[in-house]
Structures are given as C-alpha cells and as structure tokens.
C-alpha cells in the first residue's frame, strides 16, 4: 500500500464541503489513504483514514476562515 493509486478517490462521497476539500487536498498531496470503509462504531458514514498527523487547532482555524469568505 505504498502507492496512493491503489485506492480510488473516495472523497466525493464526503458530505461536508470542508472535509471533502481537505480530503481532496490530502489526496492531491499524495497523502496515503490507510483505510476507507465502515467505522467500528454504529455510525453509518464511511470513514477515510490518512497517514498524516494534523495540528487540529491550525486546521480548525483555516476551516473557520474559509467558511467566513465562502
């Protein structure tokens, strides 16, 4: 699984505009998808796991700014 091309772009299935944009950005940057599918919980949504560590404070701020201007 060393190649992102082993997976399809599942980001189109994400309902949240902000999260879909983030997923597409990660895919464009060749961030490896490590899992796509049903969550371990009772959630009906599919989950996408990326091989990336985030600074959530910084990411949340970027989403807040994006929402303000879009």
Protein backbone atom coordinates (compact mmCIF):
# COMPACT_ATOMS: atom_id res chain seq x y z
CA UNK A 1 0.00 0.00 0.00
CA UNK A 2 2.86 2.36 -0.69
CA UNK A 3 1.11 3.93 -3.63
CA UNK A 4 -1.96 6.18 -3.39
CA UNK A 5 -3.08 4.85 -6.79
CA UNK A 6 -4.04 1.59 -5.10
CA UNK A 7 -7.14 3.41 -3.85
CA UNK A 8 -9.82 5.33 -5.68
CA UNK A 9 -10.65 8.91 -4.73
CA UNK A 10 -13.36 8.28 -2.15
CA UNK A 11 -13.53 11.96 -1.23
CA UNK A 12 -16.56 12.60 -3.46
CA UNK A 13 -18.65 10.58 -1.00
CA UNK A 14 -17.94 13.07 1.82
CA UNK A 15 -20.98 15.27 2.51
CA UNK A 16 -19.21 18.05 4.41
CA UNK A 17 -17.81 20.62 1.99
CA UNK A 18 -14.91 21.48 4.30
CA UNK A 19 -13.92 17.87 4.94
CA UNK A 20 -14.26 16.99 1.24
CA UNK A 21 -11.92 19.88 0.36
CA UNK A 22 -9.44 18.71 2.99
CA UNK A 23 -9.55 15.12 1.72
CA UNK A 24 -9.05 16.23 -1.88
CA UNK A 25 -6.08 18.37 -0.80
CA UNK A 26 -4.52 15.42 1.02
CA UNK A 27 -5.04 13.15 -1.97
CA UNK A 28 -3.53 15.76 -4.30
CA UNK A 29 -0.51 15.93 -1.95
CA UNK A 30 -0.17 12.12 -2.28
CA UNK A 31 -1.01 11.52 1.38
CA UNK A 32 -1.53 7.78 1.70
CA UNK A 33 -5.05 6.51 2.43
CA UNK A 34 -4.71 3.75 5.01
CA UNK A 35 -8.38 2.81 5.37
CA UNK A 36 -11.72 3.50 3.72
CA UNK A 37 -14.92 1.87 4.86
CA UNK A 38 -17.37 1.39 7.69
CA UNK A 39 -16.43 2.75 11.09
CA UNK A 40 -16.01 0.47 14.10
CA UNK A 41 -18.93 2.32 15.70
CA UNK A 42 -22.61 2.31 14.78
CA UNK A 43 -22.01 5.31 12.51
CA UNK A 44 -23.47 4.84 9.04
CA UNK A 45 -20.87 7.07 7.43
CA UNK A 46 -17.81 5.69 5.69
CA UNK A 47 -14.51 6.73 7.21
CA UNK A 48 -11.31 7.66 5.43
CA UNK A 49 -8.04 7.38 7.34
CA UNK A 50 -4.99 9.22 6.06
CA UNK A 51 -1.39 8.60 7.01
CA UNK A 52 -0.94 12.15 8.32
CA UNK A 53 -0.71 13.91 11.68
CA UNK A 54 -2.66 17.17 11.96
CA UNK A 55 -2.38 20.30 14.02
CA UNK A 56 -6.13 20.44 14.70
CA UNK A 57 -6.06 23.96 16.12
CA UNK A 58 -4.45 25.26 12.93
CA UNK A 59 -6.71 23.17 10.67
CA UNK A 60 -9.87 24.28 12.52
CA UNK A 61 -8.83 27.91 12.18
CA UNK A 62 -8.28 27.51 8.43
CA UNK A 63 -11.76 25.97 8.06
CA UNK A 64 -13.29 28.82 10.10
CA UNK A 65 -11.62 31.41 7.85
CA UNK A 66 -12.66 29.53 4.70
CA UNK A 67 -16.30 29.46 5.89
CA UNK A 68 -16.20 33.20 6.57
CA UNK A 69 -15.24 34.01 2.97
CA UNK A 70 -17.11 31.28 1.06
